[in-house]
Amino acid sequence: MQIKEIMTPKPEEIPVIESVALAAERMKQLNVGAIPVFSDNKKNIVGVVTDRDIVVRAVAENRNPAETSLRDIMSKDVVTCPEDTDVYEAVRAMEEKKVRRPSMA
């Protein structure tokens, strides 16, 4: 089985310059816990913002969600793979990189 058979085909995305508040609102609307973060020109993924990032890096640090950009709190060490990657190969890569949970819901 390949990753493309189990992945979300067109996940919601959000620009790096957007606010934490907007990301949280989108997560609520979409009922997801993570959203890929793209560069300003949408050419490449530069991170992922998770509900945990919002809690640990914004709320716990008493940052204003409306004034804090995703650039300041997102997880930046993103691990990706081509959609034709075997699922077991992807799992091995996640174990090797110590990815504790998938970044997309």
PDB file of N, CA and C in Angstrom:
ATOM      1  N   MET A   1       0.844  -1.171   0.000  1.00  0.00           N
ATOM      2  CA  MET A   1       0.000   0.000   0.000  1.00  0.00           C
ATOM      3  C   MET A   1       0.899   1.247   0.000  1.00  0.00           C
ATOM      4  N   GLN A   2       0.453   2.234  -0.757  1.00  0.00           N
ATOM      5  CA  GLN A   2       1.219   3.477  -0.855  1.00  0.00           C
ATOM      6  C   GLN A   2       0.556   4.586  -0.051  1.00  0.00           C
ATOM      7  N   ILE A   3       1.375   5.588   0.304  1.00  0.00           N
ATOM      8  CA  ILE A   3       0.901   6.736   1.082  1.00  0.00           C
ATOM      9  C   ILE A   3      -0.316   7.378   0.422  1.00  0.00           C
ATOM     10  N   LYS A   4      -0.330   7.487  -0.907  1.00  0.00           N
ATOM     11  CA  LYS A   4      -1.446   8.172  -1.584  1.00  0.00           C
ATOM     12  C   LYS A   4      -2.789   7.500  -1.328  1.00  0.00           C
ATOM     13  N   GLU A   5      -2.765   6.225  -0.920  1.00  0.00           N
ATOM     14  CA  GLU A   5      -4.007   5.507  -0.659  1.00  0.00           C
ATOM     15  C   GLU A   5      -4.603   5.836   0.703  1.00  0.00           C
ATOM     16  N   ILE A   6      -3.814   6.427   1.586  1.00  0.00           N
ATOM     17  CA  ILE A   6      -4.313   6.715   2.935  1.00  0.00           C
ATOM     18  C   ILE A   6      -4.224   8.189   3.329  1.00  0.00           C
ATOM     19  N   MET A   7      -3.547   8.993   2.511  1.00  0.00           N
ATOM     20  CA  MET A   7      -3.352  10.403   2.875  1.00  0.00           C
ATOM     21  C   MET A   7      -4.566  11.253   2.508  1.00  0.00           C
ATOM     22  N   THR A   8      -4.650  12.405   3.126  1.00  0.00           N
ATOM     23  CA  THR A   8      -5.660  13.386   2.760  1.00  0.00           C
ATOM     24  C   THR A   8      -5.225  13.981   1.424  1.00  0.00           C
ATOM     25  N   PRO A   9      -6.038  13.864   0.379  1.00  0.00           N
ATOM     26  CA  PRO A   9      -5.579  14.268  -0.964  1.00  0.00           C
ATOM     27  C   PRO A   9      -5.277  15.755  -1.131  1.00  0.00           C
ATOM     28  N   LYS A  10      -6.077  16.618  -0.563  1.00  0.00           N
ATOM     29  CA  LYS A  10      -5.865  18.059  -0.691  1.00  0.00           C
ATOM     30  C   LYS A  10      -6.061  18.697   0.679  1.00  0.00           C
ATOM     31  N   PRO A  11      -5.046  18.590   1.535  1.00  0.00           N
ATOM     32  CA  PRO A  11      -5.229  19.148   2.879  1.00  0.00           C
ATOM     33  C   PRO A  11      -5.332  20.663   2.856  1.00  0.00           C
ATOM     34  N   GLU A  12      -6.051  21.188   3.818  1.00  0.00           N
ATOM     35  CA  GLU A  12      -6.115  22.641   4.002  1.00  0.00           C
ATOM     36  C   GLU A  12      -4.697  23.131   4.242  1.00  0.00           C
ATOM     37  N   GLU A  13      -4.390  24.313   3.782  1.00  0.00           N
ATOM     38  CA  GLU A  13      -3.067  24.899   3.997  1.00  0.00           C
ATOM     39  C   GLU A  13      -3.232  26.329   4.466  1.00  0.00           C
ATOM     40  N   ILE A  14      -2.170  26.854   5.067  1.00  0.00           N
ATOM     41  CA  ILE A  14      -2.242  28.213   5.600  1.00  0.00           C
ATOM     42  C   ILE A  14      -0.883  28.884   5.411  1.00  0.00           C
ATOM     43  N   PRO A  15      -0.867  30.157   5.018  1.00  0.00           N
ATOM     44  CA  PRO A  15       0.402  30.873   4.832  1.00  0.00           C
ATOM     45  C   PRO A  15       1.105  31.149   6.169  1.00  0.00           C
ATOM     46  N   VAL A  16       2.395  31.149   6.143  1.00  0.00           N
ATOM     47  CA  VAL A  16       3.235  31.347   7.328  1.00  0.00           C
ATOM     48  C   VAL A  16       2.988  32.689   8.016  1.00  0.00           C
ATOM     49  N   ILE A  17       2.496  33.655   7.274  1.00  0.00           N
ATOM     50  CA  ILE A  17       2.287  34.987   7.844  1.00  0.00           C
ATOM     51  C   ILE A  17       0.965  35.122   8.600  1.00  0.00           C
ATOM     52  N   GLU A  18       0.108  34.121   8.509  1.00  0.00           N
ATOM     53  CA  GLU A  18      -1.203  34.210   9.178  1.00  0.00           C
ATOM     54  C   GLU A  18      -1.060  34.098  10.693  1.00  0.00           C
ATOM     55  N   SER A  19      -2.097  34.475  11.393  1.00  0.00           N
ATOM     56  CA  SER A  19      -2.072  34.485  12.852  1.00  0.00           C
ATOM     57  C   SER A  19      -2.427  33.122  13.440  1.00  0.00           C
ATOM     58  N   VAL A  20      -1.992  32.936  14.670  1.00  0.00           N
ATOM     59  CA  VAL A  20      -2.333  31.737  15.433  1.00  0.00           C
ATOM     60  C   VAL A  20      -3.851  31.651  15.582  1.00  0.00           C
ATOM     61  N   ALA A  21      -4.505  32.770  15.809  1.00  0.00           N
ATOM     62  CA  ALA A  21      -5.961  32.787  15.970  1.00  0.00           C
ATOM     63  C   ALA A  21      -6.663  32.249  14.720  1.00  0.00           C
ATOM     64  N   LEU A  22      -6.196  32.662  13.544  1.00  0.00           N
ATOM     65  CA  LEU A  22      -6.806  32.180  12.306  1.00  0.00           C
ATOM     66  C   LEU A  22      -6.589  30.676  12.147  1.00  0.00           C
ATOM     67  N   ALA A  23      -5.403  30.204  12.473  1.00  0.00           N
ATOM     68  CA  ALA A  23      -5.119  28.767  12.374  1.00  0.00           C
ATOM     69  C   ALA A  23      -6.032  27.977  13.310  1.00  0.00           C
ATOM     70  N   ALA A  24      -6.211  28.460  14.528  1.00  0.00           N
ATOM     71  CA  ALA A  24      -7.081  27.780  15.491  1.00  0.00           C
ATOM     72  C   ALA A  24      -8.530  27.754  14.995  1.00  0.00           C
ATOM     73  N   GLU A  25      -8.962  28.864  14.421  1.00  0.00           N
ATOM     74  CA  GLU A  25     -10.322  28.943  13.871  1.00  0.00           C
ATOM     75  C   GLU A  25     -10.503  27.930  12.739  1.00  0.00           C
ATOM     76  N   ARG A  26      -9.510  27.843  11.852  1.00  0.00           N
ATOM     77  CA  ARG A  26      -9.594  26.883  10.741  1.00  0.00           C
ATOM     78  C   ARG A  26      -9.604  25.447  11.247  1.00  0.00           C
ATOM     79  N   MET A  27      -8.779  25.162  12.254  1.00  0.00           N
ATOM     80  CA  MET A  27      -8.752  23.811  12.829  1.00  0.00           C
ATOM     81  C   MET A  27     -10.119  23.442  13.380  1.00  0.00           C
ATOM     82  N   LYS A  28     -10.756  24.382  14.045  1.00  0.00           N
ATOM     83  CA  LYS A  28     -12.090  24.134  14.594  1.00  0.00           C
ATOM     84  C   LYS A  28     -13.095  23.869  13.486  1.00  0.00           C
ATOM     85  N   GLN A  29     -13.077  24.714  12.453  1.00  0.00           N
ATOM     86  CA  GLN A  29     -14.018  24.556  11.335  1.00  0.00           C
ATOM     87  C   GLN A  29     -13.838  23.218  10.624  1.00  0.00           C
ATOM     88  N   LEU A  30     -12.577  22.815  10.452  1.00  0.00           N
ATOM     89  CA  LEU A  30     -12.264  21.600   9.707  1.00  0.00           C
ATOM     90  C   LEU A  30     -12.213  20.350  10.574  1.00  0.00           C
ATOM     91  N   ASN A  31     -12.282  20.533  11.889  1.00  0.00           N
ATOM     92  CA  ASN A  31     -12.171  19.428  12.834  1.00  0.00           C
ATOM     93  C   ASN A  31     -10.872  18.645  12.628  1.00  0.00           C
ATOM     94  N   VAL A  32      -9.760  19.392  12.573  1.00  0.00           N
ATOM     95  CA  VAL A  32      -8.435  18.788  12.421  1.00  0.00           C
ATOM     96  C   VAL A  32      -7.515  19.312  13.517  1.00  0.00           C
ATOM     97  N   GLY A  33      -6.408  18.623  13.718  1.00  0.00           N
ATOM     98  CA  GLY A  33      -5.451  19.030  14.733  1.00  0.00           C
ATOM     99  C   GLY A  33      -4.147  19.540  14.174  1.00  0.00           C
ATOM    100  N   ALA A  34      -4.045  19.613  12.843  1.00  0.00           N
ATOM    101  CA  ALA A  34      -2.804  20.084  12.216  1.00  0.00           C
ATOM    102  C   ALA A  34      -3.101  20.634  10.832  1.00  0.00           C
ATOM    103  N   ILE A  35      -2.329  21.652  10.458  1.00  0.00           N
ATOM    104  CA  ILE A  35      -2.459  22.257   9.126  1.00  0.00           C
ATOM    105  C   ILE A  35      -1.055  22.540   8.598  1.00  0.00           C
ATOM    106  N   PRO A  36      -0.767  22.128   7.350  1.00  0.00           N
ATOM    107  CA  PRO A  36       0.536  22.466   6.755  1.00  0.00           C
ATOM    108  C   PRO A  36       0.667  23.978   6.580  1.00  0.00           C
ATOM    109  N   VAL A  37       1.872  24.476   6.795  1.00  0.00           N
ATOM    110  CA  VAL A  37       2.153  25.905   6.664  1.00  0.00           C
ATOM    111  C   VAL A  37       3.064  26.101   5.456  1.00  0.00           C
ATOM    112  N   PHE A  38       2.635  26.986   4.545  1.00  0.00           N
ATOM    113  CA  PHE A  38       3.373  27.224   3.318  1.00  0.00           C
ATOM    114  C   PHE A  38       4.055  28.580   3.338  1.00  0.00           C
ATOM    115  N   SER A  39       5.096  28.699   2.523  1.00  0.00           N
ATOM    116  CA  SER A  39       5.793  29.978   2.386  1.00  0.00           C
ATOM    117  C   SER A  39       4.832  31.009   1.828  1.00  0.00           C
ATOM    118  N   ASP A  40       5.222  32.254   1.897  1.00  0.00           N
ATOM    119  CA  ASP A  40       4.357  33.343   1.437  1.00  0.00           C
ATOM    120  C   ASP A  40       3.885  33.155   0.004  1.00  0.00           C
ATOM    121  N   ASN A  41       4.737  32.578  -0.839  1.00  0.00           N
ATOM    122  CA  ASN A  41       4.372  32.408  -2.247  1.00  0.00           C
ATOM    123  C   ASN A  41       3.771  31.027  -2.537  1.00  0.00           C
ATOM    124  N   LYS A  42       3.501  30.247  -1.488  1.00  0.00           N
ATOM    125  CA  LYS A  42       2.864  28.927  -1.595  1.00  0.00           C
ATOM    126  C   LYS A  42       3.646  27.941  -2.456  1.00  0.00           C
ATOM    127  N   LYS A  43       4.950  28.129  -2.570  1.00  0.00           N
ATOM    128  CA  LYS A  43       5.730  27.206  -3.384  1.00  0.00           C
ATOM    129  C   LYS A  43       6.193  25.980  -2.612  1.00  0.00           C
ATOM    130  N   ASN A  44       6.347  26.114  -1.306  1.00  0.00           N
ATOM    131  CA  ASN A  44       6.801  24.944  -0.558  1.00  0.00           C
ATOM    132  C   ASN A  44       6.342  24.991   0.887  1.00  0.00           C
ATOM    133  N   ILE A  45       6.255  23.814   1.466  1.00  0.00           N
ATOM    134  CA  ILE A  45       5.873  23.698   2.865  1.00  0.00           C
ATOM    135  C   ILE A  45       7.074  24.098   3.728  1.00  0.00           C
ATOM    136  N   VAL A  46       6.812  24.931   4.730  1.00  0.00           N
ATOM    137  CA  VAL A  46       7.895  25.392   5.606  1.00  0.00           C
ATOM    138  C   VAL A  46       7.684  24.926   7.046  1.00  0.00           C
ATOM    139  N   GLY A  47       6.547  24.324   7.292  1.00  0.00           N
ATOM    140  CA  GLY A  47       6.270  23.825   8.627  1.00  0.00           C
ATOM    141  C   GLY A  47       4.880  23.261   8.720  1.00  0.00           C
ATOM    142  N   VAL A  48       4.506  22.953   9.936  1.00  0.00           N
ATOM    143  CA  VAL A  48       3.146  22.498  10.211  1.00  0.00           C
ATOM    144  C   VAL A  48       2.765  23.092  11.564  1.00  0.00           C
ATOM    145  N   VAL A  49       1.525  23.521  11.680  1.00  0.00           N
ATOM    146  CA  VAL A  49       1.044  24.022  12.969  1.00  0.00           C
ATOM    147  C   VAL A  49       0.034  23.013  13.495  1.00  0.00           C
ATOM    148  N   THR A  50       0.228  22.628  14.743  1.00  0.00           N
ATOM    149  CA  THR A  50      -0.660  21.667  15.380  1.00  0.00           C
ATOM    150  C   THR A  50      -1.377  22.327  16.543  1.00  0.00           C
ATOM    151  N   ASP A  51      -2.441  21.686  16.990  1.00  0.00           N
ATOM    152  CA  ASP A  51      -3.139  22.206  18.157  1.00  0.00           C
ATOM    153  C   ASP A  51      -2.200  22.226  19.362  1.00  0.00           C
ATOM    154  N   ARG A  52      -1.279  21.291  19.420  1.00  0.00           N
ATOM    155  CA  ARG A  52      -0.292  21.260  20.511  1.00  0.00           C
ATOM    156  C   ARG A  52       0.668  22.454  20.415  1.00  0.00           C
ATOM    157  N   ASP A  53       1.091  22.806  19.189  1.00  0.00           N
ATOM    158  CA  ASP A  53       1.936  23.996  19.007  1.00  0.00           C
ATOM    159  C   ASP A  53       1.232  25.231  19.568  1.00  0.00           C
ATOM    160  N   ILE A  54      -0.048  25.351  19.285  1.00  0.00           N
ATOM    161  CA  ILE A  54      -0.814  26.513  19.742  1.00  0.00           C
ATOM    162  C   ILE A  54      -0.850  26.563  21.266  1.00  0.00           C
ATOM    163  N   VAL A  55      -1.076  25.425  21.895  1.00  0.00           N
ATOM    164  CA  VAL A  55      -1.152  25.390  23.358  1.00  0.00           C
ATOM    165  C   VAL A  55       0.211  25.631  23.995  1.00  0.00           C
ATOM    166  N   VAL A  56       1.231  24.890  23.539  1.00  0.00           N
ATOM    167  CA  VAL A  56       2.543  24.943  24.192  1.00  0.00           C
ATOM    168  C   VAL A  56       3.336  26.203  23.848  1.00  0.00           C
ATOM    169  N   ARG A  57       3.249  26.656  22.597  1.00  0.00           N
ATOM    170  CA  ARG A  57       4.092  27.776  22.172  1.00  0.00           C
ATOM    171  C   ARG A  57       3.369  29.121  22.122  1.00  0.00           C
ATOM    172  N   ALA A  58       2.077  29.113  22.230  1.00  0.00           N
ATOM    173  CA  ALA A  58       1.348  30.390  22.213  1.00  0.00           C
ATOM    174  C   ALA A  58       0.614  30.609  23.538  1.00  0.00           C
ATOM    175  N   VAL A  59      -0.336  29.766  23.847  1.00  0.00           N
ATOM    176  CA  VAL A  59      -1.141  29.947  25.055  1.00  0.00           C
ATOM    177  C   VAL A  59      -0.275  29.876  26.313  1.00  0.00           C
ATOM    178  N   ALA A  60       0.550  28.839  26.436  1.00  0.00           N
ATOM    179  CA  ALA A  60       1.374  28.661  27.639  1.00  0.00           C
ATOM    180  C   ALA A  60       2.409  29.772  27.804  1.00  0.00           C
ATOM    181  N   GLU A  61       2.780  30.401  26.701  1.00  0.00           N
ATOM    182  CA  GLU A  61       3.740  31.510  26.763  1.00  0.00           C
ATOM    183  C   GLU A  61       3.041  32.869  26.803  1.00  0.00           C
ATOM    184  N   ASN A  62       1.716  32.828  26.975  1.00  0.00           N
ATOM    185  CA  ASN A  62       0.903  34.043  27.119  1.00  0.00           C
ATOM    186  C   ASN A  62       1.033  34.997  25.931  1.00  0.00           C
ATOM    187  N   ARG A  63       1.133  34.427  24.710  1.00  0.00           N
ATOM    188  CA  ARG A  63       1.199  35.256  23.502  1.00  0.00           C
ATOM    189  C   ARG A  63      -0.219  35.583  23.040  1.00  0.00           C
ATOM    190  N   ASN A  64      -0.369  36.716  22.428  1.00  0.00           N
ATOM    191  CA  ASN A  64      -1.662  37.118  21.881  1.00  0.00           C
ATOM    192  C   ASN A  64      -1.861  36.373  20.552  1.00  0.00           C
ATOM    193  N   PRO A  65      -2.850  35.470  20.471  1.00  0.00           N
ATOM    194  CA  PRO A  65      -3.056  34.673  19.258  1.00  0.00           C
ATOM    195  C   PRO A  65      -3.367  35.503  18.013  1.00  0.00           C
ATOM    196  N   ALA A  66      -3.982  36.660  18.203  1.00  0.00           N
ATOM    197  CA  ALA A  66      -4.318  37.514  17.065  1.00  0.00           C
ATOM    198  C   ALA A  66      -3.103  38.252  16.523  1.00  0.00           C
ATOM    199  N   GLU A  67      -2.079  38.396  17.354  1.00  0.00           N
ATOM    200  CA  GLU A  67      -0.890  39.145  16.948  1.00  0.00           C
ATOM    201  C   GLU A  67       0.349  38.275  16.745  1.00  0.00           C
ATOM    202  N   THR A  68       0.241  36.992  17.007  1.00  0.00           N
ATOM    203  CA  THR A  68       1.375  36.077  16.848  1.00  0.00           C
ATOM    204  C   THR A  68       1.234  35.352  15.522  1.00  0.00           C
ATOM    205  N   SER A  69       2.297  35.373  14.717  1.00  0.00           N
ATOM    206  CA  SER A  69       2.231  34.686  13.423  1.00  0.00           C
ATOM    207  C   SER A  69       2.611  33.220  13.583  1.00  0.00           C
ATOM    208  N   LEU A  70       2.184  32.430  12.637  1.00  0.00           N
ATOM    209  CA  LEU A  70       2.500  31.012  12.654  1.00  0.00           C
ATOM    210  C   LEU A  70       4.008  30.775  12.599  1.00  0.00           C
ATOM    211  N   ARG A  71       4.716  31.660  11.944  1.00  0.00           N
ATOM    212  CA  ARG A  71       6.183  31.559  11.855  1.00  0.00           C
ATOM    213  C   ARG A  71       6.806  31.420  13.237  1.00  0.00           C
ATOM    214  N   ASP A  72       6.196  32.054  14.241  1.00  0.00           N
ATOM    215  CA  ASP A  72       6.739  32.073  15.592  1.00  0.00           C
ATOM    216  C   ASP A  72       6.455  30.808  16.405  1.00  0.00           C
ATOM    217  N   ILE A  73       5.460  30.025  16.021  1.00  0.00           N
ATOM    218  CA  ILE A  73       5.090  28.874  16.856  1.00  0.00           C
ATOM    219  C   ILE A  73       5.047  27.535  16.129  1.00  0.00           C
ATOM    220  N   MET A  74       5.103  27.535  14.814  1.00  0.00           N
ATOM    221  CA  MET A  74       4.935  26.289  14.055  1.00  0.00           C
ATOM    222  C   MET A  74       6.100  25.330  14.282  1.00  0.00           C
ATOM    223  N   SER A  75       5.848  24.067  14.014  1.00  0.00           N
ATOM    224  CA  SER A  75       6.906  23.059  14.011  1.00  0.00           C
ATOM    225  C   SER A  75       7.605  23.163  12.660  1.00  0.00           C
ATOM    226  N   LYS A  76       8.921  23.339  12.691  1.00  0.00           N
ATOM    227  CA  LYS A  76       9.652  23.620  11.456  1.00  0.00           C
ATOM    228  C   LYS A  76      10.365  22.416  10.866  1.00  0.00           C
ATOM    229  N   ASP A  77      10.640  21.407  11.654  1.00  0.00           N
ATOM    230  CA  ASP A  77      11.347  20.233  11.139  1.00  0.00           C
ATOM    231  C   ASP A  77      10.347  19.258  10.528  1.00  0.00           C
ATOM    232  N   VAL A  78       9.910  19.563   9.325  1.00  0.00           N
ATOM    233  CA  VAL A  78       8.890  18.770   8.649  1.00  0.00           C
ATOM    234  C   VAL A  78       9.554  17.647   7.852  1.00  0.00           C
ATOM    235  N   VAL A  79       8.999  16.470   7.992  1.00  0.00           N
ATOM    236  CA  VAL A  79       9.471  15.312   7.246  1.00  0.00           C
ATOM    237  C   VAL A  79       8.398  14.971   6.222  1.00  0.00           C
ATOM    238  N   THR A  80       8.778  14.908   4.966  1.00  0.00           N
ATOM    239  CA  THR A  80       7.817  14.581   3.906  1.00  0.00           C
ATOM    240  C   THR A  80       8.306  13.386   3.111  1.00  0.00           C
ATOM    241  N   CYS A  81       7.408  12.837   2.304  1.00  0.00           N
ATOM    242  CA  CYS A  81       7.774  11.748   1.398  1.00  0.00           C
ATOM    243  C   CYS A  81       6.862  11.811   0.181  1.00  0.00           C
ATOM    244  N   PRO A  82       7.332  11.271  -0.937  1.00  0.00           N
ATOM    245  CA  PRO A  82       6.492  11.254  -2.140  1.00  0.00           C
ATOM    246  C   PRO A  82       5.252  10.387  -1.926  1.00  0.00           C
ATOM    247  N   GLU A  83       4.195  10.694  -2.625  1.00  0.00           N
ATOM    248  CA  GLU A  83       2.944   9.959  -2.428  1.00  0.00           C
ATOM    249  C   GLU A  83       3.009   8.498  -2.851  1.00  0.00           C
ATOM    250  N   ASP A  84       4.010   8.121  -3.640  1.00  0.00           N
ATOM    251  CA  ASP A  84       4.132   6.719  -4.042  1.00  0.00           C
ATOM    252  C   ASP A  84       5.013   5.905  -3.085  1.00  0.00           C
ATOM    253  N   THR A  85       5.346   6.487  -1.931  1.00  0.00           N
ATOM    254  CA  THR A  85       6.127   5.791  -0.913  1.00  0.00           C
ATOM    255  C   THR A  85       5.285   4.698  -0.277  1.00  0.00           C
ATOM    256  N   ASP A  86       5.896   3.536  -0.066  1.00  0.00           N
ATOM    257  CA  ASP A  86       5.224   2.443   0.618  1.00  0.00           C
ATOM    258  C   ASP A  86       4.936   2.860   2.062  1.00  0.00           C
ATOM    259  N   VAL A  87       3.775   2.498   2.585  1.00  0.00           N
ATOM    260  CA  VAL A  87       3.370   2.878   3.931  1.00  0.00           C
ATOM    261  C   VAL A  87       4.389   2.400   4.964  1.00  0.00           C
ATOM    262  N   TYR A  88       4.883   1.185   4.817  1.00  0.00           N
ATOM    263  CA  TYR A  88       5.852   0.656   5.781  1.00  0.00           C
ATOM    264  C   TYR A  88       7.172   1.414   5.723  1.00  0.00           C
ATOM    265  N   GLU A  89       7.550   1.859   4.544  1.00  0.00           N
ATOM    266  CA  GLU A  89       8.753   2.690   4.408  1.00  0.00           C
ATOM    267  C   GLU A  89       8.546   4.034   5.116  1.00  0.00           C
ATOM    268  N   ALA A  90       7.354   4.587   4.986  1.00  0.00           N
ATOM    269  CA  ALA A  90       7.037   5.858   5.658  1.00  0.00           C
ATOM    270  C   ALA A  90       7.075   5.678   7.178  1.00  0.00           C
ATOM    271  N   VAL A  91       6.556   4.563   7.665  1.00  0.00           N
ATOM    272  CA  VAL A  91       6.587   4.285   9.101  1.00  0.00           C
ATOM    273  C   VAL A  91       8.033   4.186   9.582  1.00  0.00           C
ATOM    274  N   ARG A  92       8.877   3.488   8.819  1.00  0.00           N
ATOM    275  CA  ARG A  92      10.298   3.382   9.187  1.00  0.00           C
ATOM    276  C   ARG A  92      10.956   4.763   9.233  1.00  0.00           C
ATOM    277  N   ALA A  93      10.629   5.606   8.251  1.00  0.00           N
ATOM    278  CA  ALA A  93      11.193   6.959   8.227  1.00  0.00           C
ATOM    279  C   ALA A  93      10.730   7.757   9.442  1.00  0.00           C
ATOM    280  N   MET A  94       9.460   7.608   9.814  1.00  0.00           N
ATOM    281  CA  MET A  94       8.938   8.304  10.989  1.00  0.00           C
ATOM    282  C   MET A  94       9.649   7.831  12.258  1.00  0.00           C
ATOM    283  N   GLU A  95       9.882   6.521  12.348  1.00  0.00           N
ATOM    284  CA  GLU A  95      10.598   5.987  13.512  1.00  0.00           C
ATOM    285  C   GLU A  95      12.028   6.529  13.553  1.00  0.00           C
ATOM    286  N   GLU A  96      12.690   6.525  12.415  1.00  0.00           N
ATOM    287  CA  GLU A  96      14.070   6.995  12.328  1.00  0.00           C
ATOM    288  C   GLU A  96      14.189   8.472  12.705  1.00  0.00           C
ATOM    289  N   LYS A  97      13.219   9.276  12.261  1.00  0.00           N
ATOM    290  CA  LYS A  97      13.243  10.720  12.528  1.00  0.00           C
ATOM    291  C   LYS A  97      12.574  11.058  13.875  1.00  0.00           C
ATOM    292  N   LYS A  98      12.111  10.027  14.561  1.00  0.00           N
ATOM    293  CA  LYS A  98      11.457  10.191  15.862  1.00  0.00           C
ATOM    294  C   LYS A  98      10.203  11.074  15.789  1.00  0.00           C
ATOM    295  N   VAL A  99       9.436  10.884  14.738  1.00  0.00           N
ATOM    296  CA  VAL A  99       8.157  11.573  14.598  1.00  0.00           C
ATOM    297  C   VAL A  99       7.169  10.808  15.474  1.00  0.00           C
ATOM    298  N   ARG A 100       6.634  11.480  16.473  1.00  0.00           N
ATOM    299  CA  ARG A 100       5.768  10.814  17.438  1.00  0.00           C
ATOM    300  C   ARG A 100       4.330  10.683  16.973  1.00  0.00           C
ATOM    301  N   ARG A 101       3.917  11.573  16.108  1.00  0.00           N
ATOM    302  CA  ARG A 101       2.536  11.499  15.625  1.00  0.00           C
ATOM    303  C   ARG A 101       2.510  12.104  14.226  1.00  0.00           C
ATOM    304  N   PRO A 102       1.578  11.621  13.393  1.00  0.00           N
ATOM    305  CA  PRO A 102       1.473  12.219  12.056  1.00  0.00           C
ATOM    306  C   PRO A 102       1.120  13.690  12.158  1.00  0.00           C
ATOM    307  N   SER A 103       1.606  14.454  11.197  1.00  0.00           N
ATOM    308  CA  SER A 103       1.361  15.889  11.229  1.00  0.00           C
ATOM    309  C   SER A 103       0.050  16.285  10.575  1.00  0.00           C
ATOM    310  N   MET A 104      -0.655  15.385   9.986  1.00  0.00           N
ATOM    311  CA  MET A 104      -1.908  15.712   9.322  1.00  0.00           C
ATOM    312  C   MET A 104      -3.005  14.811   9.862  1.00  0.00           C
ATOM    313  N   ALA A 105      -4.187  15.346   9.955  1.00  0.00           N
ATOM    314  CA  ALA A 105      -5.329  14.554  10.392  1.00  0.00           C
ATOM    315  C   ALA A 105      -6.091  14.084   9.181  1.00  0.00           C
TER     316      ALA A 105
END
